[in-house]
Amino acid sequence: ACEADLNVLGTLVFDLGRFGIQFV
């Protein structure tokens, strides 16, 4: 559940990458 909601951060709604944060 936690993993799924963290994965959501990479979608276009949240777009985590625009803040310079990425999962590697």
PDBML (XML) file of the C-alpha atoms, coordinates in Angstrom:
<?xml version="1.0" encoding="UTF-8" ?>
<PDBx:datablock datablockName="MODEL"
   xmlns:PDBx="http://pdbml.pdb.org/schema/pdbx-v50.xsd"
   xmlns:xsi="http://www.w3.org/2001/XMLSchema-instance"
   xsi:schemaLocation="http://pdbml.pdb.org/schema/pdbx-v50.xsd pdbx-v50.xsd">
   <PDBx:atom_siteCategory>
      <PDBx:atom_site id="1">
         <PDBx:B_iso_or_equiv>0.00</PDBx:B_iso_or_equiv>
         <PDBx:Cartn_x>0.000</PDBx:Cartn_x>
         <PDBx:Cartn_y>0.000</PDBx:Cartn_y>
         <PDBx:Cartn_z>0.000</PDBx:Cartn_z>
         <PDBx:auth_asym_id>A</PDBx:auth_asym_id>
         <PDBx:auth_atom_id>CA</PDBx:auth_atom_id>
         <PDBx:auth_comp_id>ALA</PDBx:auth_comp_id>
         <PDBx:auth_seq_id>1</PDBx:auth_seq_id>
         <PDBx:group_PDB>ATOM</PDBx:group_PDB>
         <PDBx:label_alt_id xsi:nil="true" />
         <PDBx:label_asym_id>A</PDBx:label_asym_id>
         <PDBx:label_atom_id>CA</PDBx:label_atom_id>
         <PDBx:label_comp_id>ALA</PDBx:label_comp_id>
         <PDBx:label_entity_id>1</PDBx:label_entity_id>
         <PDBx:label_seq_id>1</PDBx:label_seq_id>
         <PDBx:occupancy>1.00</PDBx:occupancy>
         <PDBx:pdbx_PDB_model_num>1</PDBx:pdbx_PDB_model_num>
         <PDBx:type_symbol>C</PDBx:type_symbol>
      </PDBx:atom_site>
      <PDBx:atom_site id="2">
         <PDBx:B_iso_or_equiv>0.00</PDBx:B_iso_or_equiv>
         <PDBx:Cartn_x>2.774</PDBx:Cartn_x>
         <PDBx:Cartn_y>2.436</PDBx:Cartn_y>
         <PDBx:Cartn_z>0.924</PDBx:Cartn_z>
         <PDBx:auth_asym_id>A</PDBx:auth_asym_id>
         <PDBx:auth_atom_id>CA</PDBx:auth_atom_id>
         <PDBx:auth_comp_id>CYS</PDBx:auth_comp_id>
         <PDBx:auth_seq_id>2</PDBx:auth_seq_id>
         <PDBx:group_PDB>ATOM</PDBx:group_PDB>
         <PDBx:label_alt_id xsi:nil="true" />
         <PDBx:label_asym_id>A</PDBx:label_asym_id>
         <PDBx:label_atom_id>CA</PDBx:label_atom_id>
         <PDBx:label_comp_id>CYS</PDBx:label_comp_id>
         <PDBx:label_entity_id>1</PDBx:label_entity_id>
         <PDBx:label_seq_id>2</PDBx:label_seq_id>
         <PDBx:occupancy>1.00</PDBx:occupancy>
         <PDBx:pdbx_PDB_model_num>1</PDBx:pdbx_PDB_model_num>
         <PDBx:type_symbol>C</PDBx:type_symbol>
      </PDBx:atom_site>
      <PDBx:atom_site id="3">
         <PDBx:B_iso_or_equiv>0.00</PDBx:B_iso_or_equiv>
         <PDBx:Cartn_x>4.740</PDBx:Cartn_x>
         <PDBx:Cartn_y>1.399</PDBx:Cartn_y>
         <PDBx:Cartn_z>-2.123</PDBx:Cartn_z>
         <PDBx:auth_asym_id>A</PDBx:auth_asym_id>
         <PDBx:auth_atom_id>CA</PDBx:auth_atom_id>
         <PDBx:auth_comp_id>GLU</PDBx:auth_comp_id>
         <PDBx:auth_seq_id>3</PDBx:auth_seq_id>
         <PDBx:group_PDB>ATOM</PDBx:group_PDB>
         <PDBx:label_alt_id xsi:nil="true" />
         <PDBx:label_asym_id>A</PDBx:label_asym_id>
         <PDBx:label_atom_id>CA</PDBx:label_atom_id>
         <PDBx:label_comp_id>GLU</PDBx:label_comp_id>
         <PDBx:label_entity_id>1</PDBx:label_entity_id>
         <PDBx:label_seq_id>3</PDBx:label_seq_id>
         <PDBx:occupancy>1.00</PDBx:occupancy>
         <PDBx:pdbx_PDB_model_num>1</PDBx:pdbx_PDB_model_num>
         <PDBx:type_symbol>C</PDBx:type_symbol>
      </PDBx:atom_site>
      <PDBx:atom_site id="4">
         <PDBx:B_iso_or_equiv>0.00</PDBx:B_iso_or_equiv>
         <PDBx:Cartn_x>1.752</PDBx:Cartn_x>
         <PDBx:Cartn_y>1.991</PDBx:Cartn_y>
         <PDBx:Cartn_z>-4.413</PDBx:Cartn_z>
         <PDBx:auth_asym_id>A</PDBx:auth_asym_id>
         <PDBx:auth_atom_id>CA</PDBx:auth_atom_id>
         <PDBx:auth_comp_id>ALA</PDBx:auth_comp_id>
         <PDBx:auth_seq_id>4</PDBx:auth_seq_id>
         <PDBx:group_PDB>ATOM</PDBx:group_PDB>
         <PDBx:label_alt_id xsi:nil="true" />
         <PDBx:label_asym_id>A</PDBx:label_asym_id>
         <PDBx:label_atom_id>CA</PDBx:label_atom_id>
         <PDBx:label_comp_id>ALA</PDBx:label_comp_id>
         <PDBx:label_entity_id>1</PDBx:label_entity_id>
         <PDBx:label_seq_id>4</PDBx:label_seq_id>
         <PDBx:occupancy>1.00</PDBx:occupancy>
         <PDBx:pdbx_PDB_model_num>1</PDBx:pdbx_PDB_model_num>
         <PDBx:type_symbol>C</PDBx:type_symbol>
      </PDBx:atom_site>
      <PDBx:atom_site id="5">
         <PDBx:B_iso_or_equiv>0.00</PDBx:B_iso_or_equiv>
         <PDBx:Cartn_x>1.136</PDBx:Cartn_x>
         <PDBx:Cartn_y>5.494</PDBx:Cartn_y>
         <PDBx:Cartn_z>-3.074</PDBx:Cartn_z>
         <PDBx:auth_asym_id>A</PDBx:auth_asym_id>
         <PDBx:auth_atom_id>CA</PDBx:auth_atom_id>
         <PDBx:auth_comp_id>ASP</PDBx:auth_comp_id>
         <PDBx:auth_seq_id>5</PDBx:auth_seq_id>
         <PDBx:group_PDB>ATOM</PDBx:group_PDB>
         <PDBx:label_alt_id xsi:nil="true" />
         <PDBx:label_asym_id>A</PDBx:label_asym_id>
         <PDBx:label_atom_id>CA</PDBx:label_atom_id>
         <PDBx:label_comp_id>ASP</PDBx:label_comp_id>
         <PDBx:label_entity_id>1</PDBx:label_entity_id>
         <PDBx:label_seq_id>5</PDBx:label_seq_id>
         <PDBx:occupancy>1.00</PDBx:occupancy>
         <PDBx:pdbx_PDB_model_num>1</PDBx:pdbx_PDB_model_num>
         <PDBx:type_symbol>C</PDBx:type_symbol>
      </PDBx:atom_site>
      <PDBx:atom_site id="6">
         <PDBx:B_iso_or_equiv>0.00</PDBx:B_iso_or_equiv>
         <PDBx:Cartn_x>4.813</PDBx:Cartn_x>
         <PDBx:Cartn_y>6.378</PDBx:Cartn_y>
         <PDBx:Cartn_z>-3.452</PDBx:Cartn_z>
         <PDBx:auth_asym_id>A</PDBx:auth_asym_id>
         <PDBx:auth_atom_id>CA</PDBx:auth_atom_id>
         <PDBx:auth_comp_id>LEU</PDBx:auth_comp_id>
         <PDBx:auth_seq_id>6</PDBx:auth_seq_id>
         <PDBx:group_PDB>ATOM</PDBx:group_PDB>
         <PDBx:label_alt_id xsi:nil="true" />
         <PDBx:label_asym_id>A</PDBx:label_asym_id>
         <PDBx:label_atom_id>CA</PDBx:label_atom_id>
         <PDBx:label_comp_id>LEU</PDBx:label_comp_id>
         <PDBx:label_entity_id>1</PDBx:label_entity_id>
         <PDBx:label_seq_id>6</PDBx:label_seq_id>
         <PDBx:occupancy>1.00</PDBx:occupancy>
         <PDBx:pdbx_PDB_model_num>1</PDBx:pdbx_PDB_model_num>
         <PDBx:type_symbol>C</PDBx:type_symbol>
      </PDBx:atom_site>
      <PDBx:atom_site id="7">
         <PDBx:B_iso_or_equiv>0.00</PDBx:B_iso_or_equiv>
         <PDBx:Cartn_x>4.672</PDBx:Cartn_x>
         <PDBx:Cartn_y>5.105</PDBx:Cartn_y>
         <PDBx:Cartn_z>-7.026</PDBx:Cartn_z>
         <PDBx:auth_asym_id>A</PDBx:auth_asym_id>
         <PDBx:auth_atom_id>CA</PDBx:auth_atom_id>
         <PDBx:auth_comp_id>ASN</PDBx:auth_comp_id>
         <PDBx:auth_seq_id>7</PDBx:auth_seq_id>
         <PDBx:group_PDB>ATOM</PDBx:group_PDB>
         <PDBx:label_alt_id xsi:nil="true" />
         <PDBx:label_asym_id>A</PDBx:label_asym_id>
         <PDBx:label_atom_id>CA</PDBx:label_atom_id>
         <PDBx:label_comp_id>ASN</PDBx:label_comp_id>
         <PDBx:label_entity_id>1</PDBx:label_entity_id>
         <PDBx:label_seq_id>7</PDBx:label_seq_id>
         <PDBx:occupancy>1.00</PDBx:occupancy>
         <PDBx:pdbx_PDB_model_num>1</PDBx:pdbx_PDB_model_num>
         <PDBx:type_symbol>C</PDBx:type_symbol>
      </PDBx:atom_site>
      <PDBx:atom_site id="8">
         <PDBx:B_iso_or_equiv>0.00</PDBx:B_iso_or_equiv>
         <PDBx:Cartn_x>1.766</PDBx:Cartn_x>
         <PDBx:Cartn_y>7.488</PDBx:Cartn_y>
         <PDBx:Cartn_z>-7.641</PDBx:Cartn_z>
         <PDBx:auth_asym_id>A</PDBx:auth_asym_id>
         <PDBx:auth_atom_id>CA</PDBx:auth_atom_id>
         <PDBx:auth_comp_id>VAL</PDBx:auth_comp_id>
         <PDBx:auth_seq_id>8</PDBx:auth_seq_id>
         <PDBx:group_PDB>ATOM</PDBx:group_PDB>
         <PDBx:label_alt_id xsi:nil="true" />
         <PDBx:label_asym_id>A</PDBx:label_asym_id>
         <PDBx:label_atom_id>CA</PDBx:label_atom_id>
         <PDBx:label_comp_id>VAL</PDBx:label_comp_id>
         <PDBx:label_entity_id>1</PDBx:label_entity_id>
         <PDBx:label_seq_id>8</PDBx:label_seq_id>
         <PDBx:occupancy>1.00</PDBx:occupancy>
         <PDBx:pdbx_PDB_model_num>1</PDBx:pdbx_PDB_model_num>
         <PDBx:type_symbol>C</PDBx:type_symbol>
      </PDBx:atom_site>
      <PDBx:atom_site id="9">
         <PDBx:B_iso_or_equiv>0.00</PDBx:B_iso_or_equiv>
         <PDBx:Cartn_x>4.139</PDBx:Cartn_x>
         <PDBx:Cartn_y>10.410</PDBx:Cartn_y>
         <PDBx:Cartn_z>-7.025</PDBx:Cartn_z>
         <PDBx:auth_asym_id>A</PDBx:auth_asym_id>
         <PDBx:auth_atom_id>CA</PDBx:auth_atom_id>
         <PDBx:auth_comp_id>LEU</PDBx:auth_comp_id>
         <PDBx:auth_seq_id>9</PDBx:auth_seq_id>
         <PDBx:group_PDB>ATOM</PDBx:group_PDB>
         <PDBx:label_alt_id xsi:nil="true" />
         <PDBx:label_asym_id>A</PDBx:label_asym_id>
         <PDBx:label_atom_id>CA</PDBx:label_atom_id>
         <PDBx:label_comp_id>LEU</PDBx:label_comp_id>
         <PDBx:label_entity_id>1</PDBx:label_entity_id>
         <PDBx:label_seq_id>9</PDBx:label_seq_id>
         <PDBx:occupancy>1.00</PDBx:occupancy>
         <PDBx:pdbx_PDB_model_num>1</PDBx:pdbx_PDB_model_num>
         <PDBx:type_symbol>C</PDBx:type_symbol>
      </PDBx:atom_site>
      <PDBx:atom_site id="10">
         <PDBx:B_iso_or_equiv>0.00</PDBx:B_iso_or_equiv>
         <PDBx:Cartn_x>5.701</PDBx:Cartn_x>
         <PDBx:Cartn_y>9.683</PDBx:Cartn_y>
         <PDBx:Cartn_z>-10.395</PDBx:Cartn_z>
         <PDBx:auth_asym_id>A</PDBx:auth_asym_id>
         <PDBx:auth_atom_id>CA</PDBx:auth_atom_id>
         <PDBx:auth_comp_id>GLY</PDBx:auth_comp_id>
         <PDBx:auth_seq_id>10</PDBx:auth_seq_id>
         <PDBx:group_PDB>ATOM</PDBx:group_PDB>
         <PDBx:label_alt_id xsi:nil="true" />
         <PDBx:label_asym_id>A</PDBx:label_asym_id>
         <PDBx:label_atom_id>CA</PDBx:label_atom_id>
         <PDBx:label_comp_id>GLY</PDBx:label_comp_id>
         <PDBx:label_entity_id>1</PDBx:label_entity_id>
         <PDBx:label_seq_id>10</PDBx:label_seq_id>
         <PDBx:occupancy>1.00</PDBx:occupancy>
         <PDBx:pdbx_PDB_model_num>1</PDBx:pdbx_PDB_model_num>
         <PDBx:type_symbol>C</PDBx:type_symbol>
      </PDBx:atom_site>
      <PDBx:atom_site id="11">
         <PDBx:B_iso_or_equiv>0.00</PDBx:B_iso_or_equiv>
         <PDBx:Cartn_x>2.440</PDBx:Cartn_x>
         <PDBx:Cartn_y>10.204</PDBx:Cartn_y>
         <PDBx:Cartn_z>-12.291</PDBx:Cartn_z>
         <PDBx:auth_asym_id>A</PDBx:auth_asym_id>
         <PDBx:auth_atom_id>CA</PDBx:auth_atom_id>
         <PDBx:auth_comp_id>THR</PDBx:auth_comp_id>
         <PDBx:auth_seq_id>11</PDBx:auth_seq_id>
         <PDBx:group_PDB>ATOM</PDBx:group_PDB>
         <PDBx:label_alt_id xsi:nil="true" />
         <PDBx:label_asym_id>A</PDBx:label_asym_id>
         <PDBx:label_atom_id>CA</PDBx:label_atom_id>
         <PDBx:label_comp_id>THR</PDBx:label_comp_id>
         <PDBx:label_entity_id>1</PDBx:label_entity_id>
         <PDBx:label_seq_id>11</PDBx:label_seq_id>
         <PDBx:occupancy>1.00</PDBx:occupancy>
         <PDBx:pdbx_PDB_model_num>1</PDBx:pdbx_PDB_model_num>
         <PDBx:type_symbol>C</PDBx:type_symbol>
      </PDBx:atom_site>
      <PDBx:atom_site id="12">
         <PDBx:B_iso_or_equiv>0.00</PDBx:B_iso_or_equiv>
         <PDBx:Cartn_x>1.634</PDBx:Cartn_x>
         <PDBx:Cartn_y>13.440</PDBx:Cartn_y>
         <PDBx:Cartn_z>-14.104</PDBx:Cartn_z>
         <PDBx:auth_asym_id>A</PDBx:auth_asym_id>
         <PDBx:auth_atom_id>CA</PDBx:auth_atom_id>
         <PDBx:auth_comp_id>LEU</PDBx:auth_comp_id>
         <PDBx:auth_seq_id>12</PDBx:auth_seq_id>
         <PDBx:group_PDB>ATOM</PDBx:group_PDB>
         <PDBx:label_alt_id xsi:nil="true" />
         <PDBx:label_asym_id>A</PDBx:label_asym_id>
         <PDBx:label_atom_id>CA</PDBx:label_atom_id>
         <PDBx:label_comp_id>LEU</PDBx:label_comp_id>
         <PDBx:label_entity_id>1</PDBx:label_entity_id>
         <PDBx:label_seq_id>12</PDBx:label_seq_id>
         <PDBx:occupancy>1.00</PDBx:occupancy>
         <PDBx:pdbx_PDB_model_num>1</PDBx:pdbx_PDB_model_num>
         <PDBx:type_symbol>C</PDBx:type_symbol>
      </PDBx:atom_site>
      <PDBx:atom_site id="13">
         <PDBx:B_iso_or_equiv>0.00</PDBx:B_iso_or_equiv>
         <PDBx:Cartn_x>-0.742</PDBx:Cartn_x>
         <PDBx:Cartn_y>14.607</PDBx:Cartn_y>
         <PDBx:Cartn_z>-11.350</PDBx:Cartn_z>
         <PDBx:auth_asym_id>A</PDBx:auth_asym_id>
         <PDBx:auth_atom_id>CA</PDBx:auth_atom_id>
         <PDBx:auth_comp_id>VAL</PDBx:auth_comp_id>
         <PDBx:auth_seq_id>13</PDBx:auth_seq_id>
         <PDBx:group_PDB>ATOM</PDBx:group_PDB>
         <PDBx:label_alt_id xsi:nil="true" />
         <PDBx:label_asym_id>A</PDBx:label_asym_id>
         <PDBx:label_atom_id>CA</PDBx:label_atom_id>
         <PDBx:label_comp_id>VAL</PDBx:label_comp_id>
         <PDBx:label_entity_id>1</PDBx:label_entity_id>
         <PDBx:label_seq_id>13</PDBx:label_seq_id>
         <PDBx:occupancy>1.00</PDBx:occupancy>
         <PDBx:pdbx_PDB_model_num>1</PDBx:pdbx_PDB_model_num>
         <PDBx:type_symbol>C</PDBx:type_symbol>
      </PDBx:atom_site>
      <PDBx:atom_site id="14">
         <PDBx:B_iso_or_equiv>0.00</PDBx:B_iso_or_equiv>
         <PDBx:Cartn_x>2.058</PDBx:Cartn_x>
         <PDBx:Cartn_y>14.852</PDBx:Cartn_y>
         <PDBx:Cartn_z>-8.775</PDBx:Cartn_z>
         <PDBx:auth_asym_id>A</PDBx:auth_asym_id>
         <PDBx:auth_atom_id>CA</PDBx:auth_atom_id>
         <PDBx:auth_comp_id>PHE</PDBx:auth_comp_id>
         <PDBx:auth_seq_id>14</PDBx:auth_seq_id>
         <PDBx:group_PDB>ATOM</PDBx:group_PDB>
         <PDBx:label_alt_id xsi:nil="true" />
         <PDBx:label_asym_id>A</PDBx:label_asym_id>
         <PDBx:label_atom_id>CA</PDBx:label_atom_id>
         <PDBx:label_comp_id>PHE</PDBx:label_comp_id>
         <PDBx:label_entity_id>1</PDBx:label_entity_id>
         <PDBx:label_seq_id>14</PDBx:label_seq_id>
         <PDBx:occupancy>1.00</PDBx:occupancy>
         <PDBx:pdbx_PDB_model_num>1</PDBx:pdbx_PDB_model_num>
         <PDBx:type_symbol>C</PDBx:type_symbol>
      </PDBx:atom_site>
      <PDBx:atom_site id="15">
         <PDBx:B_iso_or_equiv>0.00</PDBx:B_iso_or_equiv>
         <PDBx:Cartn_x>5.124</PDBx:Cartn_x>
         <PDBx:Cartn_y>14.879</PDBx:Cartn_y>
         <PDBx:Cartn_z>-11.072</PDBx:Cartn_z>
         <PDBx:auth_asym_id>A</PDBx:auth_asym_id>
         <PDBx:auth_atom_id>CA</PDBx:auth_atom_id>
         <PDBx:auth_comp_id>ASP</PDBx:auth_comp_id>
         <PDBx:auth_seq_id>15</PDBx:auth_seq_id>
         <PDBx:group_PDB>ATOM</PDBx:group_PDB>
         <PDBx:label_alt_id xsi:nil="true" />
         <PDBx:label_asym_id>A</PDBx:label_asym_id>
         <PDBx:label_atom_id>CA</PDBx:label_atom_id>
         <PDBx:label_comp_id>ASP</PDBx:label_comp_id>
         <PDBx:label_entity_id>1</PDBx:label_entity_id>
         <PDBx:label_seq_id>15</PDBx:label_seq_id>
         <PDBx:occupancy>1.00</PDBx:occupancy>
         <PDBx:pdbx_PDB_model_num>1</PDBx:pdbx_PDB_model_num>
         <PDBx:type_symbol>C</PDBx:type_symbol>
      </PDBx:atom_site>
      <PDBx:atom_site id="16">
         <PDBx:B_iso_or_equiv>0.00</PDBx:B_iso_or_equiv>
         <PDBx:Cartn_x>7.734</PDBx:Cartn_x>
         <PDBx:Cartn_y>14.381</PDBx:Cartn_y>
         <PDBx:Cartn_z>-8.363</PDBx:Cartn_z>
         <PDBx:auth_asym_id>A</PDBx:auth_asym_id>
         <PDBx:auth_atom_id>CA</PDBx:auth_atom_id>
         <PDBx:auth_comp_id>LEU</PDBx:auth_comp_id>
         <PDBx:auth_seq_id>16</PDBx:auth_seq_id>
         <PDBx:group_PDB>ATOM</PDBx:group_PDB>
         <PDBx:label_alt_id xsi:nil="true" />
         <PDBx:label_asym_id>A</PDBx:label_asym_id>
         <PDBx:label_atom_id>CA</PDBx:label_atom_id>
         <PDBx:label_comp_id>LEU</PDBx:label_comp_id>
         <PDBx:label_entity_id>1</PDBx:label_entity_id>
         <PDBx:label_seq_id>16</PDBx:label_seq_id>
         <PDBx:occupancy>1.00</PDBx:occupancy>
         <PDBx:pdbx_PDB_model_num>1</PDBx:pdbx_PDB_model_num>
         <PDBx:type_symbol>C</PDBx:type_symbol>
      </PDBx:atom_site>
      <PDBx:atom_site id="17">
         <PDBx:B_iso_or_equiv>0.00</PDBx:B_iso_or_equiv>
         <PDBx:Cartn_x>10.518</PDBx:Cartn_x>
         <PDBx:Cartn_y>14.995</PDBx:Cartn_y>
         <PDBx:Cartn_z>-10.875</PDBx:Cartn_z>
         <PDBx:auth_asym_id>A</PDBx:auth_asym_id>
         <PDBx:auth_atom_id>CA</PDBx:auth_atom_id>
         <PDBx:auth_comp_id>GLY</PDBx:auth_comp_id>
         <PDBx:auth_seq_id>17</PDBx:auth_seq_id>
         <PDBx:group_PDB>ATOM</PDBx:group_PDB>
         <PDBx:label_alt_id xsi:nil="true" />
         <PDBx:label_asym_id>A</PDBx:label_asym_id>
         <PDBx:label_atom_id>CA</PDBx:label_atom_id>
         <PDBx:label_comp_id>GLY</PDBx:label_comp_id>
         <PDBx:label_entity_id>1</PDBx:label_entity_id>
         <PDBx:label_seq_id>17</PDBx:label_seq_id>
         <PDBx:occupancy>1.00</PDBx:occupancy>
         <PDBx:pdbx_PDB_model_num>1</PDBx:pdbx_PDB_model_num>
         <PDBx:type_symbol>C</PDBx:type_symbol>
      </PDBx:atom_site>
      <PDBx:atom_site id="18">
         <PDBx:B_iso_or_equiv>0.00</PDBx:B_iso_or_equiv>
         <PDBx:Cartn_x>9.606</PDBx:Cartn_x>
         <PDBx:Cartn_y>18.690</PDBx:Cartn_y>
         <PDBx:Cartn_z>-11.271</PDBx:Cartn_z>
         <PDBx:auth_asym_id>A</PDBx:auth_asym_id>
         <PDBx:auth_atom_id>CA</PDBx:auth_atom_id>
         <PDBx:auth_comp_id>ARG</PDBx:auth_comp_id>
         <PDBx:auth_seq_id>18</PDBx:auth_seq_id>
         <PDBx:group_PDB>ATOM</PDBx:group_PDB>
         <PDBx:label_alt_id xsi:nil="true" />
         <PDBx:label_asym_id>A</PDBx:label_asym_id>
         <PDBx:label_atom_id>CA</PDBx:label_atom_id>
         <PDBx:label_comp_id>ARG</PDBx:label_comp_id>
         <PDBx:label_entity_id>1</PDBx:label_entity_id>
         <PDBx:label_seq_id>18</PDBx:label_seq_id>
         <PDBx:occupancy>1.00</PDBx:occupancy>
         <PDBx:pdbx_PDB_model_num>1</PDBx:pdbx_PDB_model_num>
         <PDBx:type_symbol>C</PDBx:type_symbol>
      </PDBx:atom_site>
      <PDBx:atom_site id="19">
         <PDBx:B_iso_or_equiv>0.00</PDBx:B_iso_or_equiv>
         <PDBx:Cartn_x>11.000</PDBx:Cartn_x>
         <PDBx:Cartn_y>19.212</PDBx:Cartn_y>
         <PDBx:Cartn_z>-7.759</PDBx:Cartn_z>
         <PDBx:auth_asym_id>A</PDBx:auth_asym_id>
         <PDBx:auth_atom_id>CA</PDBx:auth_atom_id>
         <PDBx:auth_comp_id>PHE</PDBx:auth_comp_id>
         <PDBx:auth_seq_id>19</PDBx:auth_seq_id>
         <PDBx:group_PDB>ATOM</PDBx:group_PDB>
         <PDBx:label_alt_id xsi:nil="true" />
         <PDBx:label_asym_id>A</PDBx:label_asym_id>
         <PDBx:label_atom_id>CA</PDBx:label_atom_id>
         <PDBx:label_comp_id>PHE</PDBx:label_comp_id>
         <PDBx:label_entity_id>1</PDBx:label_entity_id>
         <PDBx:label_seq_id>19</PDBx:label_seq_id>
         <PDBx:occupancy>1.00</PDBx:occupancy>
         <PDBx:pdbx_PDB_model_num>1</PDBx:pdbx_PDB_model_num>
         <PDBx:type_symbol>C</PDBx:type_symbol>
      </PDBx:atom_site>
      <PDBx:atom_site id="20">
         <PDBx:B_iso_or_equiv>0.00</PDBx:B_iso_or_equiv>
         <PDBx:Cartn_x>14.269</PDBx:Cartn_x>
         <PDBx:Cartn_y>17.487</PDBx:Cartn_y>
         <PDBx:Cartn_z>-8.618</PDBx:Cartn_z>
         <PDBx:auth_asym_id>A</PDBx:auth_asym_id>
         <PDBx:auth_atom_id>CA</PDBx:auth_atom_id>
         <PDBx:auth_comp_id>GLY</PDBx:auth_comp_id>
         <PDBx:auth_seq_id>20</PDBx:auth_seq_id>
         <PDBx:group_PDB>ATOM</PDBx:group_PDB>
         <PDBx:label_alt_id xsi:nil="true" />
         <PDBx:label_asym_id>A</PDBx:label_asym_id>
         <PDBx:label_atom_id>CA</PDBx:label_atom_id>
         <PDBx:label_comp_id>GLY</PDBx:label_comp_id>
         <PDBx:label_entity_id>1</PDBx:label_entity_id>
         <PDBx:label_seq_id>20</PDBx:label_seq_id>
         <PDBx:occupancy>1.00</PDBx:occupancy>
         <PDBx:pdbx_PDB_model_num>1</PDBx:pdbx_PDB_model_num>
         <PDBx:type_symbol>C</PDBx:type_symbol>
      </PDBx:atom_site>
      <PDBx:atom_site id="21">
         <PDBx:B_iso_or_equiv>0.00</PDBx:B_iso_or_equiv>
         <PDBx:Cartn_x>13.314</PDBx:Cartn_x>
         <PDBx:Cartn_y>14.345</PDBx:Cartn_y>
         <PDBx:Cartn_z>-6.653</PDBx:Cartn_z>
         <PDBx:auth_asym_id>A</PDBx:auth_asym_id>
         <PDBx:auth_atom_id>CA</PDBx:auth_atom_id>
         <PDBx:auth_comp_id>ILE</PDBx:auth_comp_id>
         <PDBx:auth_seq_id>21</PDBx:auth_seq_id>
         <PDBx:group_PDB>ATOM</PDBx:group_PDB>
         <PDBx:label_alt_id xsi:nil="true" />
         <PDBx:label_asym_id>A</PDBx:label_asym_id>
         <PDBx:label_atom_id>CA</PDBx:label_atom_id>
         <PDBx:label_comp_id>ILE</PDBx:label_comp_id>
         <PDBx:label_entity_id>1</PDBx:label_entity_id>
         <PDBx:label_seq_id>21</PDBx:label_seq_id>
         <PDBx:occupancy>1.00</PDBx:occupancy>
         <PDBx:pdbx_PDB_model_num>1</PDBx:pdbx_PDB_model_num>
         <PDBx:type_symbol>C</PDBx:type_symbol>
      </PDBx:atom_site>
      <PDBx:atom_site id="22">
         <PDBx:B_iso_or_equiv>0.00</PDBx:B_iso_or_equiv>
         <PDBx:Cartn_x>13.570</PDBx:Cartn_x>
         <PDBx:Cartn_y>10.942</PDBx:Cartn_y>
         <PDBx:Cartn_z>-8.306</PDBx:Cartn_z>
         <PDBx:auth_asym_id>A</PDBx:auth_asym_id>
         <PDBx:auth_atom_id>CA</PDBx:auth_atom_id>
         <PDBx:auth_comp_id>GLN</PDBx:auth_comp_id>
         <PDBx:auth_seq_id>22</PDBx:auth_seq_id>
         <PDBx:group_PDB>ATOM</PDBx:group_PDB>
         <PDBx:label_alt_id xsi:nil="true" />
         <PDBx:label_asym_id>A</PDBx:label_asym_id>
         <PDBx:label_atom_id>CA</PDBx:label_atom_id>
         <PDBx:label_comp_id>GLN</PDBx:label_comp_id>
         <PDBx:label_entity_id>1</PDBx:label_entity_id>
         <PDBx:label_seq_id>22</PDBx:label_seq_id>
         <PDBx:occupancy>1.00</PDBx:occupancy>
         <PDBx:pdbx_PDB_model_num>1</PDBx:pdbx_PDB_model_num>
         <PDBx:type_symbol>C</PDBx:type_symbol>
      </PDBx:atom_site>
      <PDBx:atom_site id="23">
         <PDBx:B_iso_or_equiv>0.00</PDBx:B_iso_or_equiv>
         <PDBx:Cartn_x>13.506</PDBx:Cartn_x>
         <PDBx:Cartn_y>7.271</PDBx:Cartn_y>
         <PDBx:Cartn_z>-7.365</PDBx:Cartn_z>
         <PDBx:auth_asym_id>A</PDBx:auth_asym_id>
         <PDBx:auth_atom_id>CA</PDBx:auth_atom_id>
         <PDBx:auth_comp_id>PHE</PDBx:auth_comp_id>
         <PDBx:auth_seq_id>23</PDBx:auth_seq_id>
         <PDBx:group_PDB>ATOM</PDBx:group_PDB>
         <PDBx:label_alt_id xsi:nil="true" />
         <PDBx:label_asym_id>A</PDBx:label_asym_id>
         <PDBx:label_atom_id>CA</PDBx:label_atom_id>
         <PDBx:label_comp_id>PHE</PDBx:label_comp_id>
         <PDBx:label_entity_id>1</PDBx:label_entity_id>
         <PDBx:label_seq_id>23</PDBx:label_seq_id>
         <PDBx:occupancy>1.00</PDBx:occupancy>
         <PDBx:pdbx_PDB_model_num>1</PDBx:pdbx_PDB_model_num>
         <PDBx:type_symbol>C</PDBx:type_symbol>
      </PDBx:atom_site>
      <PDBx:atom_site id="24">
         <PDBx:B_iso_or_equiv>0.00</PDBx:B_iso_or_equiv>
         <PDBx:Cartn_x>16.487</PDBx:Cartn_x>
         <PDBx:Cartn_y>5.349</PDBx:Cartn_y>
         <PDBx:Cartn_z>-8.738</PDBx:Cartn_z>
         <PDBx:auth_asym_id>A</PDBx:auth_asym_id>
         <PDBx:auth_atom_id>CA</PDBx:auth_atom_id>
         <PDBx:auth_comp_id>VAL</PDBx:auth_comp_id>
         <PDBx:auth_seq_id>24</PDBx:auth_seq_id>
         <PDBx:group_PDB>ATOM</PDBx:group_PDB>
         <PDBx:label_alt_id xsi:nil="true" />
         <PDBx:label_asym_id>A</PDBx:label_asym_id>
         <PDBx:label_atom_id>CA</PDBx:label_atom_id>
         <PDBx:label_comp_id>VAL</PDBx:label_comp_id>
         <PDBx:label_entity_id>1</PDBx:label_entity_id>
         <PDBx:label_seq_id>24</PDBx:label_seq_id>
         <PDBx:occupancy>1.00</PDBx:occupancy>
         <PDBx:pdbx_PDB_model_num>1</PDBx:pdbx_PDB_model_num>
         <PDBx:type_symbol>C</PDBx:type_symbol>
      </PDBx:atom_site>
   </PDBx:atom_siteCategory>
</PDBx:datablock>
